[in-house]
Amino acid sequence: MNRKNIISAVIFILLAALTFNAIFKGNDMKAVVSAMSTLQPLYFLTAMATAFFFVSAEGFMICYLLRSLNYKTCVKYSFVGFFFSGITPSATGGQPMQLYYMKKEGHKVSDSTVVLMTVAVIYKLVLVVMGAGIVIFYYQPLADYLKGYLYLYYLGLFLNTLLVVVLLFIMISPKCFKGIVIGGEKLLKKFRILKKSKKRTEKLIDMADQYHEAVLFFLKNKGKIAAVIIFTVVQRCSVFFLTWLIYKGMGLQGTTAFTVMSLQASIYIAVDMLPLPGAQGITEMMYKTAFSQIFPGACLTASMCITRGLNFYLVLIVSALVAVWCHFRSKIRT
């Protein structure tokens, strides 16, 4: 873990402390604990399994695409990505660290880059389509539930749409990608971060060419892309369904699964691109506003603690352990 990631981790811990303080301050914790105890064990375990499926699903897609390029891998990369995404602003640290460990294990940087970018583009694209669908077909209920946070939802939807457009342009334009790679190297040399090296420049050009070849491979195999899109929809819906499992597990009734899942999706879209490690604080505040009419009394804070604890903090701890394992394993190999 480099200095930047250590700083991000410290900021993450500070944000977590402030978030927990804000959540618990002014709440009757006995009532919250009592509400949490109403959650049926079967629903709790199913929700936990759903949280781990959500993270593992990315690993399955990475496996599927890499094996198309004659590689073998496992879901560990998805947990590494989740951990570093969780502790860095706007989830920017996930893919670079995935790429780092994939390179350590012998994968071509060009192939790994294409696979990770493909997964990222499809992931964001599915999120954008879902977000647009919610606005078109569910606008009034969304506005009623989100209240003052509706503007944040629009901002999140806009930023995710912009990122999809940029990533797609980079993927389908080999000249653009090569220009970014070579231009980035020139900039680093200008600021004397990198020394001049003809051999390195040639390697970067070769990597850009290999990247384009891998992009062409996936464009010619549209069936594989279609399969990843379908699986991504299932993956996305699984984490939204987790909140519905908590709702039903607490014995509550009167709200449809579609409403609960749509509201959870709207929170994800709103906070996904914000420059806060793990989108801490804002996620919890939006949850309490969006679900205030659905979870009564102490059940609101209780459901938030359980939902957020399962789909983020628990998975983050497990992901941290996987990241540490990958780190020491790569050290042993070198």
C-alpha atoms as a PDB file:
ATOM      1  CA  MET A   1       0.000   0.000   0.000  1.00  0.00           C
ATOM      2  CA  ASN A   2       1.552   3.348  -1.059  1.00  0.00           C
ATOM      3  CA  ARG A   3       1.505   6.654   0.818  1.00  0.00           C
ATOM      4  CA  LYS A   4      -1.540   7.894  -1.082  1.00  0.00           C
ATOM      5  CA  ASN A   5      -3.573   4.848  -0.080  1.00  0.00           C
ATOM      6  CA  ILE A   6      -2.433   5.168   3.539  1.00  0.00           C
ATOM      7  CA  ILE A   7      -3.620   8.791   3.612  1.00  0.00           C
ATOM      8  CA  SER A   8      -6.924   7.702   2.073  1.00  0.00           C
ATOM      9  CA  ALA A   9      -7.275   4.996   4.726  1.00  0.00           C
ATOM     10  CA  VAL A  10      -6.706   7.531   7.521  1.00  0.00           C
ATOM     11  CA  ILE A  11      -9.316   9.881   6.025  1.00  0.00           C
ATOM     12  CA  PHE A  12     -11.652   6.902   5.681  1.00  0.00           C
ATOM     13  CA  ILE A  13     -11.292   6.019   9.379  1.00  0.00           C
ATOM     14  CA  LEU A  14     -11.889   9.633  10.432  1.00  0.00           C
ATOM     15  CA  LEU A  15     -14.998   9.823   8.241  1.00  0.00           C
ATOM     16  CA  ALA A  16     -16.216   6.526   9.693  1.00  0.00           C
ATOM     17  CA  ALA A  17     -15.812   7.854  13.237  1.00  0.00           C
ATOM     18  CA  LEU A  18     -17.707  11.060  12.393  1.00  0.00           C
ATOM     19  CA  THR A  19     -20.417   9.068  10.588  1.00  0.00           C
ATOM     20  CA  PHE A  20     -20.966   6.676  13.490  1.00  0.00           C
ATOM     21  CA  ASN A  21     -21.090   9.602  15.915  1.00  0.00           C
ATOM     22  CA  ALA A  22     -23.707  11.375  13.772  1.00  0.00           C
ATOM     23  CA  ILE A  23     -25.764   8.181  13.436  1.00  0.00           C
ATOM     24  CA  PHE A  24     -25.852   7.271  17.094  1.00  0.00           C
ATOM     25  CA  LYS A  25     -26.090  10.785  18.539  1.00  0.00           C
ATOM     26  CA  GLY A  26     -29.637  11.573  19.625  1.00  0.00           C
ATOM     27  CA  ASN A  27     -30.873   8.003  19.068  1.00  0.00           C
ATOM     28  CA  ASP A  28     -32.302   5.716  21.697  1.00  0.00           C
ATOM     29  CA  MET A  29     -29.785   2.932  21.192  1.00  0.00           C
ATOM     30  CA  LYS A  30     -31.774   0.470  23.289  1.00  0.00           C
ATOM     31  CA  ALA A  31     -34.687   0.917  20.902  1.00  0.00           C
ATOM     32  CA  VAL A  32     -32.341   0.609  17.889  1.00  0.00           C
ATOM     33  CA  VAL A  33     -30.791  -2.608  19.235  1.00  0.00           C
ATOM     34  CA  SER A  34     -34.264  -3.926  20.020  1.00  0.00           C
ATOM     35  CA  ALA A  35     -35.364  -3.169  16.443  1.00  0.00           C
ATOM     36  CA  MET A  36     -32.263  -4.892  15.064  1.00  0.00           C
ATOM     37  CA  SER A  37     -33.078  -7.988  17.104  1.00  0.00           C
ATOM     38  CA  THR A  38     -36.401  -8.336  15.253  1.00  0.00           C
ATOM     39  CA  LEU A  39     -34.519  -9.261  12.060  1.00  0.00           C
ATOM     40  CA  GLN A  40     -35.073 -12.939  11.338  1.00  0.00           C
ATOM     41  CA  PRO A  41     -31.805 -14.953  11.104  1.00  0.00           C
ATOM     42  CA  LEU A  42     -32.672 -16.486   7.730  1.00  0.00           C
ATOM     43  CA  TYR A  43     -33.175 -13.066   6.154  1.00  0.00           C
ATOM     44  CA  PHE A  44     -29.982 -11.794   7.779  1.00  0.00           C
ATOM     45  CA  LEU A  45     -27.909 -14.685   6.400  1.00  0.00           C
ATOM     46  CA  THR A  46     -29.490 -14.320   2.955  1.00  0.00           C
ATOM     47  CA  ALA A  47     -28.701 -10.596   2.979  1.00  0.00           C
ATOM     48  CA  MET A  48     -25.108 -11.348   3.994  1.00  0.00           C
ATOM     49  CA  ALA A  49     -24.763 -13.866   1.162  1.00  0.00           C
ATOM     50  CA  THR A  50     -26.209 -11.267  -1.217  1.00  0.00           C
ATOM     51  CA  ALA A  51     -23.579  -8.714  -0.139  1.00  0.00           C
ATOM     52  CA  PHE A  52     -20.746 -11.147  -0.872  1.00  0.00           C
ATOM     53  CA  PHE A  53     -22.358 -12.184  -4.147  1.00  0.00           C
ATOM     54  CA  PHE A  54     -22.389  -8.527  -5.226  1.00  0.00           C
ATOM     55  CA  VAL A  55     -18.604  -8.232  -4.841  1.00  0.00           C
ATOM     56  CA  SER A  56     -17.802 -11.726  -6.087  1.00  0.00           C
ATOM     57  CA  ALA A  57     -19.899 -11.187  -9.218  1.00  0.00           C
ATOM     58  CA  GLU A  58     -17.348  -8.701 -10.552  1.00  0.00           C
ATOM     59  CA  GLY A  59     -14.679 -11.371 -10.095  1.00  0.00           C
ATOM     60  CA  PHE A  60     -16.783 -13.855 -12.061  1.00  0.00           C
ATOM     61  CA  MET A  61     -17.011 -11.360 -14.937  1.00  0.00           C
ATOM     62  CA  ILE A  62     -13.271 -10.682 -14.837  1.00  0.00           C
ATOM     63  CA  CYS A  63     -12.695 -14.461 -14.921  1.00  0.00           C
ATOM     64  CA  TYR A  64     -15.073 -14.880 -17.835  1.00  0.00           C
ATOM     65  CA  LEU A  65     -13.443 -12.162 -19.938  1.00  0.00           C
ATOM     66  CA  LEU A  66      -9.853 -13.053 -19.068  1.00  0.00           C
ATOM     67  CA  ARG A  67     -10.421 -16.702 -19.921  1.00  0.00           C
ATOM     68  CA  SER A  68     -11.548 -15.524 -23.345  1.00  0.00           C
ATOM     69  CA  LEU A  69      -7.989 -14.204 -23.679  1.00  0.00           C
ATOM     70  CA  ASN A  70      -6.523 -17.499 -22.417  1.00  0.00           C
ATOM     71  CA  TYR A  71      -5.954 -16.453 -18.804  1.00  0.00           C
ATOM     72  CA  LYS A  72      -7.061 -18.056 -15.577  1.00  0.00           C
ATOM     73  CA  THR A  73      -7.880 -16.040 -12.478  1.00  0.00           C
ATOM     74  CA  CYS A  74     -10.328 -15.838  -9.542  1.00  0.00           C
ATOM     75  CA  VAL A  75     -12.578 -13.467  -7.610  1.00  0.00           C
ATOM     76  CA  LYS A  76      -9.765 -12.121  -5.428  1.00  0.00           C
ATOM     77  CA  TYR A  77      -9.343  -9.170  -7.809  1.00  0.00           C
ATOM     78  CA  SER A  78     -12.917  -8.032  -7.181  1.00  0.00           C
ATOM     79  CA  PHE A  79     -12.316  -7.959  -3.408  1.00  0.00           C
ATOM     80  CA  VAL A  80      -9.029  -6.075  -3.908  1.00  0.00           C
ATOM     81  CA  GLY A  81     -10.892  -3.576  -6.076  1.00  0.00           C
ATOM     82  CA  PHE A  82     -13.702  -3.192  -3.532  1.00  0.00           C
ATOM     83  CA  PHE A  83     -11.272  -2.476  -0.700  1.00  0.00           C
ATOM     84  CA  PHE A  84      -9.230   0.184  -2.489  1.00  0.00           C
ATOM     85  CA  SER A  85     -12.359   1.707  -4.038  1.00  0.00           C
ATOM     86  CA  GLY A  86     -13.882   1.891  -0.572  1.00  0.00           C
ATOM     87  CA  ILE A  87     -11.014   3.823   0.997  1.00  0.00           C
ATOM     88  CA  THR A  88     -10.258   6.232  -1.868  1.00  0.00           C
ATOM     89  CA  PRO A  89     -12.243   9.301  -3.025  1.00  0.00           C
ATOM     90  CA  SER A  90     -14.682   8.620  -5.892  1.00  0.00           C
ATOM     91  CA  ALA A  91     -13.596   4.946  -5.767  1.00  0.00           C
ATOM     92  CA  THR A  92     -10.529   5.828  -7.864  1.00  0.00           C
ATOM     93  CA  GLY A  93      -8.109   3.385  -6.220  1.00  0.00           C
ATOM     94  CA  GLY A  94      -9.823   0.115  -7.082  1.00  0.00           C
ATOM     95  CA  GLN A  95      -8.893  -0.545 -10.702  1.00  0.00           C
ATOM     96  CA  PRO A  96      -5.257   0.655 -10.491  1.00  0.00           C
ATOM     97  CA  MET A  97      -4.649  -1.793  -7.628  1.00  0.00           C
ATOM     98  CA  GLN A  98      -6.447  -4.587  -9.482  1.00  0.00           C
ATOM     99  CA  LEU A  99      -4.229  -3.885 -12.477  1.00  0.00           C
ATOM    100  CA  TYR A 100      -1.142  -3.865 -10.245  1.00  0.00           C
ATOM    101  CA  TYR A 101      -1.817  -7.331  -8.788  1.00  0.00           C
ATOM    102  CA  MET A 102      -2.902  -8.736 -12.142  1.00  0.00           C
ATOM    103  CA  LYS A 103       0.408  -7.606 -13.614  1.00  0.00           C
ATOM    104  CA  LYS A 104       2.247  -9.181 -10.664  1.00  0.00           C
ATOM    105  CA  GLU A 105       0.616 -12.503 -11.534  1.00  0.00           C
ATOM    106  CA  GLY A 106       1.710 -12.415 -15.151  1.00  0.00           C
ATOM    107  CA  HIS A 107      -1.236 -10.848 -16.974  1.00  0.00           C
ATOM    108  CA  LYS A 108      -0.510  -8.483 -19.858  1.00  0.00           C
ATOM    109  CA  VAL A 109      -1.235  -4.897 -18.862  1.00  0.00           C
ATOM    110  CA  SER A 110      -3.019  -4.311 -22.182  1.00  0.00           C
ATOM    111  CA  ASP A 111      -5.343  -7.311 -21.757  1.00  0.00           C
ATOM    112  CA  SER A 112      -6.018  -6.580 -18.089  1.00  0.00           C
ATOM    113  CA  THR A 113      -6.747  -2.925 -18.871  1.00  0.00           C
ATOM    114  CA  VAL A 114      -9.298  -3.846 -21.537  1.00  0.00           C
ATOM    115  CA  VAL A 115     -11.036  -6.363 -19.278  1.00  0.00           C
ATOM    116  CA  LEU A 116     -11.214  -4.012 -16.288  1.00  0.00           C
ATOM    117  CA  MET A 117     -12.369  -1.117 -18.464  1.00  0.00           C
ATOM    118  CA  THR A 118     -15.018  -3.304 -20.109  1.00  0.00           C
ATOM    119  CA  VAL A 119     -16.362  -4.354 -16.710  1.00  0.00           C
ATOM    120  CA  ALA A 120     -16.294  -0.727 -15.502  1.00  0.00           C
ATOM    121  CA  VAL A 121     -18.081   0.634 -18.582  1.00  0.00           C
ATOM    122  CA  ILE A 122     -20.820  -2.002 -18.419  1.00  0.00           C
ATOM    123  CA  TYR A 123     -21.169  -1.507 -14.647  1.00  0.00           C
ATOM    124  CA  LYS A 124     -21.618   2.260 -15.083  1.00  0.00           C
ATOM    125  CA  LEU A 125     -23.803   1.866 -18.173  1.00  0.00           C
ATOM    126  CA  VAL A 126     -26.241  -0.411 -16.334  1.00  0.00           C
ATOM    127  CA  LEU A 127     -26.327   2.068 -13.441  1.00  0.00           C
ATOM    128  CA  VAL A 128     -27.053   4.962 -15.836  1.00  0.00           C
ATOM    129  CA  VAL A 129     -29.832   3.070 -17.654  1.00  0.00           C
ATOM    130  CA  MET A 130     -31.423   2.143 -14.322  1.00  0.00           C
ATOM    131  CA  GLY A 131     -31.104   5.733 -13.131  1.00  0.00           C
ATOM    132  CA  ALA A 132     -32.674   7.138 -16.283  1.00  0.00           C
ATOM    133  CA  GLY A 133     -35.491   4.587 -16.034  1.00  0.00           C
ATOM    134  CA  ILE A 134     -36.242   5.648 -12.457  1.00  0.00           C
ATOM    135  CA  VAL A 135     -36.435   9.310 -13.496  1.00  0.00           C
ATOM    136  CA  ILE A 136     -38.710   8.577 -16.460  1.00  0.00           C
ATOM    137  CA  PHE A 137     -41.106   6.106 -14.855  1.00  0.00           C
ATOM    138  CA  TYR A 138     -40.839   6.876 -11.129  1.00  0.00           C
ATOM    139  CA  TYR A 139     -40.121  10.603 -10.903  1.00  0.00           C
ATOM    140  CA  GLN A 140     -42.853  11.808  -8.529  1.00  0.00           C
ATOM    141  CA  PRO A 141     -42.407   9.072  -5.879  1.00  0.00           C
ATOM    142  CA  LEU A 142     -38.624   9.575  -6.151  1.00  0.00           C
ATOM    143  CA  ALA A 143     -38.980  13.311  -5.539  1.00  0.00           C
ATOM    144  CA  ASP A 144     -41.292  12.660  -2.577  1.00  0.00           C
ATOM    145  CA  TYR A 145     -38.889  10.198  -0.943  1.00  0.00           C
ATOM    146  CA  LEU A 146     -35.564  11.945  -1.665  1.00  0.00           C
ATOM    147  CA  LYS A 147     -36.851  15.453  -0.924  1.00  0.00           C
ATOM    148  CA  GLY A 148     -33.865  17.825  -0.722  1.00  0.00           C
ATOM    149  CA  TYR A 149     -31.455  15.176  -2.002  1.00  0.00           C
ATOM    150  CA  LEU A 150     -33.059  15.005  -5.444  1.00  0.00           C
ATOM    151  CA  TYR A 151     -30.451  17.424  -6.849  1.00  0.00           C
ATOM    152  CA  LEU A 152     -27.703  15.057  -5.671  1.00  0.00           C
ATOM    153  CA  TYR A 153     -29.382  12.232  -7.564  1.00  0.00           C
ATOM    154  CA  TYR A 154     -29.333  14.285 -10.782  1.00  0.00           C
ATOM    155  CA  LEU A 155     -25.682  15.186 -10.195  1.00  0.00           C
ATOM    156  CA  GLY A 156     -24.755  11.526  -9.683  1.00  0.00           C
ATOM    157  CA  LEU A 157     -26.662  10.484 -12.802  1.00  0.00           C
ATOM    158  CA  PHE A 158     -24.951  13.209 -14.864  1.00  0.00           C
ATOM    159  CA  LEU A 159     -21.435  12.323 -13.623  1.00  0.00           C
ATOM    160  CA  ASN A 160     -21.949   8.601 -14.260  1.00  0.00           C
ATOM    161  CA  THR A 161     -23.292   9.316 -17.760  1.00  0.00           C
ATOM    162  CA  LEU A 162     -20.300  11.553 -18.505  1.00  0.00           C
ATOM    163  CA  LEU A 163     -17.877   8.862 -17.317  1.00  0.00           C
ATOM    164  CA  VAL A 164     -19.542   6.214 -19.514  1.00  0.00           C
ATOM    165  CA  VAL A 165     -19.215   8.476 -22.578  1.00  0.00           C
ATOM    166  CA  VAL A 166     -15.532   9.183 -21.850  1.00  0.00           C
ATOM    167  CA  LEU A 167     -14.655   5.527 -21.214  1.00  0.00           C
ATOM    168  CA  LEU A 168     -16.470   4.361 -24.347  1.00  0.00           C
ATOM    169  CA  PHE A 169     -14.633   6.964 -26.419  1.00  0.00           C
ATOM    170  CA  ILE A 170     -11.266   5.847 -25.044  1.00  0.00           C
ATOM    171  CA  MET A 171     -12.114   2.180 -25.635  1.00  0.00           C
ATOM    172  CA  ILE A 172     -13.231   2.484 -29.245  1.00  0.00           C
ATOM    173  CA  SER A 173     -10.644   5.075 -30.265  1.00  0.00           C
ATOM    174  CA  PRO A 174      -7.153   3.514 -30.455  1.00  0.00           C
ATOM    175  CA  LYS A 175      -5.595   6.852 -31.412  1.00  0.00           C
ATOM    176  CA  CYS A 176      -7.115   8.474 -28.344  1.00  0.00           C
ATOM    177  CA  PHE A 177      -5.864   5.729 -26.028  1.00  0.00           C
ATOM    178  CA  LYS A 178      -2.371   5.781 -27.555  1.00  0.00           C
ATOM    179  CA  GLY A 179      -2.344   9.573 -27.293  1.00  0.00           C
ATOM    180  CA  ILE A 180      -3.249   9.407 -23.588  1.00  0.00           C
ATOM    181  CA  VAL A 181      -0.538   6.802 -22.890  1.00  0.00           C
ATOM    182  CA  ILE A 182       2.231   8.605 -24.804  1.00  0.00           C
ATOM    183  CA  GLY A 183       1.065  12.048 -23.683  1.00  0.00           C
ATOM    184  CA  GLY A 184       1.025  10.931 -20.065  1.00  0.00           C
ATOM    185  CA  GLU A 185       4.587   9.648 -20.358  1.00  0.00           C
ATOM    186  CA  LYS A 186       5.761  12.931 -21.932  1.00  0.00           C
ATOM    187  CA  LEU A 187       4.131  14.919 -19.143  1.00  0.00           C
ATOM    188  CA  LEU A 188       5.799  12.798 -16.467  1.00  0.00           C
ATOM    189  CA  LYS A 189       9.163  13.220 -18.218  1.00  0.00           C
ATOM    190  CA  LYS A 190       8.620  16.980 -18.451  1.00  0.00           C
ATOM    191  CA  PHE A 191       8.175  17.195 -14.687  1.00  0.00           C
ATOM    192  CA  ARG A 192      11.154  14.845 -14.273  1.00  0.00           C
ATOM    193  CA  ILE A 193       9.056  12.186 -12.581  1.00  0.00           C
ATOM    194  CA  LEU A 194      10.224   9.731 -15.242  1.00  0.00           C
ATOM    195  CA  LYS A 195      13.602   9.617 -16.958  1.00  0.00           C
ATOM    196  CA  LYS A 196      13.892   9.508 -20.749  1.00  0.00           C
ATOM    197  CA  SER A 197      13.809   5.932 -22.023  1.00  0.00           C
ATOM    198  CA  LYS A 198      13.384   4.897 -25.628  1.00  0.00           C
ATOM    199  CA  LYS A 199      12.796   1.303 -24.541  1.00  0.00           C
ATOM    200  CA  ARG A 200       9.944   2.311 -22.196  1.00  0.00           C
ATOM    201  CA  THR A 201       8.326   4.441 -24.914  1.00  0.00           C
ATOM    202  CA  GLU A 202       8.435   1.501 -27.317  1.00  0.00           C
ATOM    203  CA  LYS A 203       6.874  -0.745 -24.657  1.00  0.00           C
ATOM    204  CA  LEU A 204       4.051   1.759 -24.101  1.00  0.00           C
ATOM    205  CA  ILE A 205       3.348   1.982 -27.834  1.00  0.00           C
ATOM    206  CA  ASP A 206       3.348  -1.820 -28.027  1.00  0.00           C
ATOM    207  CA  MET A 207       0.978  -1.988 -25.045  1.00  0.00           C
ATOM    208  CA  ALA A 208      -1.384   0.503 -26.739  1.00  0.00           C
ATOM    209  CA  ASP A 209      -1.381  -1.660 -29.898  1.00  0.00           C
ATOM    210  CA  GLN A 210      -2.086  -4.809 -27.849  1.00  0.00           C
ATOM    211  CA  TYR A 211      -4.876  -2.942 -26.061  1.00  0.00           C
ATOM    212  CA  HIS A 212      -6.529  -2.122 -29.378  1.00  0.00           C
ATOM    213  CA  GLU A 213      -6.263  -5.762 -30.474  1.00  0.00           C
ATOM    214  CA  ALA A 214      -8.007  -6.867 -27.272  1.00  0.00           C
ATOM    215  CA  VAL A 215     -10.767  -4.274 -27.820  1.00  0.00           C
ATOM    216  CA  LEU A 216     -11.292  -5.601 -31.350  1.00  0.00           C
ATOM    217  CA  PHE A 217     -11.513  -9.132 -29.931  1.00  0.00           C
ATOM    218  CA  PHE A 218     -14.397  -8.193 -27.642  1.00  0.00           C
ATOM    219  CA  LEU A 219     -16.136  -6.168 -30.363  1.00  0.00           C
ATOM    220  CA  LYS A 220     -16.087  -9.299 -32.530  1.00  0.00           C
ATOM    221  CA  ASN A 221     -17.438 -11.410 -29.659  1.00  0.00           C
ATOM    222  CA  LYS A 222     -20.631  -9.512 -28.879  1.00  0.00           C
ATOM    223  CA  GLY A 223     -22.138 -12.574 -27.205  1.00  0.00           C
ATOM    224  CA  LYS A 224     -19.607 -12.321 -24.385  1.00  0.00           C
ATOM    225  CA  ILE A 225     -20.392  -8.632 -23.894  1.00  0.00           C
ATOM    226  CA  ALA A 226     -24.129  -9.398 -23.847  1.00  0.00           C
ATOM    227  CA  ALA A 227     -23.575 -12.078 -21.189  1.00  0.00           C
ATOM    228  CA  VAL A 228     -21.598  -9.643 -19.026  1.00  0.00           C
ATOM    229  CA  ILE A 229     -24.338  -6.995 -19.385  1.00  0.00           C
ATOM    230  CA  ILE A 230     -27.025  -9.443 -18.250  1.00  0.00           C
ATOM    231  CA  PHE A 231     -24.928 -10.626 -15.321  1.00  0.00           C
ATOM    232  CA  THR A 232     -24.166  -7.015 -14.359  1.00  0.00           C
ATOM    233  CA  VAL A 233     -27.897  -6.259 -14.187  1.00  0.00           C
ATOM    234  CA  VAL A 234     -28.317  -9.218 -11.812  1.00  0.00           C
ATOM    235  CA  GLN A 235     -25.314  -8.037  -9.782  1.00  0.00           C
ATOM    236  CA  ARG A 236     -26.619  -4.480  -9.508  1.00  0.00           C
ATOM    237  CA  CYS A 237     -30.097  -5.607  -8.512  1.00  0.00           C
ATOM    238  CA  SER A 238     -28.717  -7.961  -5.861  1.00  0.00           C
ATOM    239  CA  VAL A 239     -27.344  -5.148  -3.691  1.00  0.00           C
ATOM    240  CA  PHE A 240     -30.634  -3.247  -4.012  1.00  0.00           C
ATOM    241  CA  PHE A 241     -32.548  -6.413  -3.139  1.00  0.00           C
ATOM    242  CA  LEU A 242     -30.493  -6.693   0.065  1.00  0.00           C
ATOM    243  CA  THR A 243     -32.391  -3.734   1.543  1.00  0.00           C
ATOM    244  CA  TRP A 244     -35.681  -5.424   0.692  1.00  0.00           C
ATOM    245  CA  LEU A 245     -34.517  -8.549   2.542  1.00  0.00           C
ATOM    246  CA  ILE A 246     -33.844  -6.426   5.638  1.00  0.00           C
ATOM    247  CA  TYR A 247     -37.280  -4.818   5.291  1.00  0.00           C
ATOM    248  CA  LYS A 248     -39.058  -8.189   5.091  1.00  0.00           C
ATOM    249  CA  GLY A 249     -36.811  -9.755   7.726  1.00  0.00           C
ATOM    250  CA  MET A 250     -37.881  -7.106  10.238  1.00  0.00           C
ATOM    251  CA  GLY A 251     -41.503  -8.147   9.698  1.00  0.00           C
ATOM    252  CA  LEU A 252     -42.540  -4.934   7.927  1.00  0.00           C
ATOM    253  CA  GLN A 253     -45.223  -4.710   5.258  1.00  0.00           C
ATOM    254  CA  GLY A 254     -46.935  -2.186   3.003  1.00  0.00           C
ATOM    255  CA  THR A 255     -44.093  -1.213   0.645  1.00  0.00           C
ATOM    256  CA  THR A 256     -43.292  -3.049  -2.586  1.00  0.00           C
ATOM    257  CA  ALA A 257     -39.925  -4.548  -3.438  1.00  0.00           C
ATOM    258  CA  PHE A 258     -39.763  -2.215  -6.465  1.00  0.00           C
ATOM    259  CA  THR A 259     -40.035   0.879  -4.266  1.00  0.00           C
ATOM    260  CA  VAL A 260     -37.358  -0.274  -1.804  1.00  0.00           C
ATOM    261  CA  MET A 261     -34.986  -1.343  -4.573  1.00  0.00           C
ATOM    262  CA  SER A 262     -35.545   1.864  -6.563  1.00  0.00           C
ATOM    263  CA  LEU A 263     -34.763   4.031  -3.536  1.00  0.00           C
ATOM    264  CA  GLN A 264     -31.624   2.042  -2.743  1.00  0.00           C
ATOM    265  CA  ALA A 265     -30.586   2.354  -6.386  1.00  0.00           C
ATOM    266  CA  SER A 266     -31.140   6.117  -6.276  1.00  0.00           C
ATOM    267  CA  ILE A 267     -28.827   6.403  -3.245  1.00  0.00           C
ATOM    268  CA  TYR A 268     -26.092   4.433  -5.034  1.00  0.00           C
ATOM    269  CA  ILE A 269     -26.393   6.606  -8.135  1.00  0.00           C
ATOM    270  CA  ALA A 270     -26.305   9.833  -6.105  1.00  0.00           C
ATOM    271  CA  VAL A 271     -23.190   9.008  -4.055  1.00  0.00           C
ATOM    272  CA  ASP A 272     -21.267   6.808  -6.491  1.00  0.00           C
ATOM    273  CA  MET A 273     -19.041   9.582  -7.903  1.00  0.00           C
ATOM    274  CA  LEU A 274     -18.702  11.789  -4.833  1.00  0.00           C
ATOM    275  CA  PRO A 275     -15.102  12.467  -3.657  1.00  0.00           C
ATOM    276  CA  LEU A 276     -15.611  10.807  -0.261  1.00  0.00           C
ATOM    277  CA  PRO A 277     -13.971   7.467   0.654  1.00  0.00           C
ATOM    278  CA  GLY A 278     -16.769   4.922   0.715  1.00  0.00           C
ATOM    279  CA  ALA A 279     -19.269   7.804   0.292  1.00  0.00           C
ATOM    280  CA  GLN A 280     -19.440   7.771   4.076  1.00  0.00           C
ATOM    281  CA  GLY A 281     -21.774  10.141   5.851  1.00  0.00           C
ATOM    282  CA  ILE A 282     -23.744  11.221   2.806  1.00  0.00           C
ATOM    283  CA  THR A 283     -24.915   7.640   2.145  1.00  0.00           C
ATOM    284  CA  GLU A 284     -26.253   7.302   5.677  1.00  0.00           C
ATOM    285  CA  MET A 285     -27.950  10.718   5.590  1.00  0.00           C
ATOM    286  CA  MET A 286     -29.626   9.976   2.260  1.00  0.00           C
ATOM    287  CA  TYR A 287     -30.748   6.581   3.525  1.00  0.00           C
ATOM    288  CA  LYS A 288     -32.440   8.098   6.582  1.00  0.00           C
ATOM    289  CA  THR A 289     -34.253  10.619   4.379  1.00  0.00           C
ATOM    290  CA  ALA A 290     -35.228   8.238   1.555  1.00  0.00           C
ATOM    291  CA  PHE A 291     -36.497   5.459   3.855  1.00  0.00           C
ATOM    292  CA  SER A 292     -38.011   7.623   6.606  1.00  0.00           C
ATOM    293  CA  GLN A 293     -41.524   6.831   5.348  1.00  0.00           C
ATOM    294  CA  ILE A 294     -40.803   3.100   4.979  1.00  0.00           C
ATOM    295  CA  PHE A 295     -38.996   2.048   8.169  1.00  0.00           C
ATOM    296  CA  PRO A 296     -40.908   3.345  11.229  1.00  0.00           C
ATOM    297  CA  GLY A 297     -39.262   4.689  14.379  1.00  0.00           C
ATOM    298  CA  ALA A 298     -36.106   2.942  15.559  1.00  0.00           C
ATOM    299  CA  CYS A 299     -36.370   0.513  12.617  1.00  0.00           C
ATOM    300  CA  LEU A 300     -35.001   3.261  10.350  1.00  0.00           C
ATOM    301  CA  THR A 301     -31.630   3.553  12.104  1.00  0.00           C
ATOM    302  CA  ALA A 302     -31.564  -0.195  12.773  1.00  0.00           C
ATOM    303  CA  SER A 303     -32.148  -1.066   9.102  1.00  0.00           C
ATOM    304  CA  MET A 304     -29.539   1.466   8.011  1.00  0.00           C
ATOM    305  CA  CYS A 305     -26.923   0.000  10.361  1.00  0.00           C
ATOM    306  CA  ILE A 306     -27.628  -3.539   9.169  1.00  0.00           C
ATOM    307  CA  THR A 307     -27.848  -2.688   5.471  1.00  0.00           C
ATOM    308  CA  ARG A 308     -24.747  -0.498   5.432  1.00  0.00           C
ATOM    309  CA  GLY A 309     -22.926  -2.877   7.751  1.00  0.00           C
ATOM    310  CA  LEU A 310     -23.490  -5.802   5.390  1.00  0.00           C
ATOM    311  CA  ASN A 311     -23.155  -4.218   1.942  1.00  0.00           C
ATOM    312  CA  PHE A 312     -20.157  -2.063   2.827  1.00  0.00           C
ATOM    313  CA  TYR A 313     -18.333  -2.396   6.153  1.00  0.00           C
ATOM    314  CA  LEU A 314     -18.397  -6.201   6.494  1.00  0.00           C
ATOM    315  CA  VAL A 315     -17.400  -6.727   2.866  1.00  0.00           C
ATOM    316  CA  LEU A 316     -14.726  -4.040   3.243  1.00  0.00           C
ATOM    317  CA  ILE A 317     -13.140  -5.880   6.190  1.00  0.00           C
ATOM    318  CA  VAL A 318     -13.087  -9.158   4.249  1.00  0.00           C
ATOM    319  CA  SER A 319     -11.747  -7.319   1.185  1.00  0.00           C
ATOM    320  CA  ALA A 320      -8.969  -5.813   3.325  1.00  0.00           C
ATOM    321  CA  LEU A 321      -7.908  -9.300   4.399  1.00  0.00           C
ATOM    322  CA  VAL A 322      -7.894 -10.464   0.768  1.00  0.00           C
ATOM    323  CA  ALA A 323      -5.850  -7.389  -0.237  1.00  0.00           C
ATOM    324  CA  VAL A 324      -3.297  -8.102   2.504  1.00  0.00           C
ATOM    325  CA  TRP A 325      -3.080 -11.725   1.358  1.00  0.00           C
ATOM    326  CA  CYS A 326      -2.543 -10.637  -2.263  1.00  0.00           C
ATOM    327  CA  HIS A 327       0.119  -8.143  -1.142  1.00  0.00           C
ATOM    328  CA  PHE A 328       2.194 -10.699   0.756  1.00  0.00           C
ATOM    329  CA  ARG A 329       1.673 -13.311  -1.946  1.00  0.00           C
ATOM    330  CA  SER A 330       3.042 -10.911  -4.561  1.00  0.00           C
ATOM    331  CA  LYS A 331       6.009 -10.135  -2.294  1.00  0.00           C
ATOM    332  CA  ILE A 332       6.801 -13.846  -1.967  1.00  0.00           C
ATOM    333  CA  ARG A 333       6.654 -14.286  -5.753  1.00  0.00           C
ATOM    334  CA  THR A 334       9.100 -11.443  -6.322  1.00  0.00           C
END
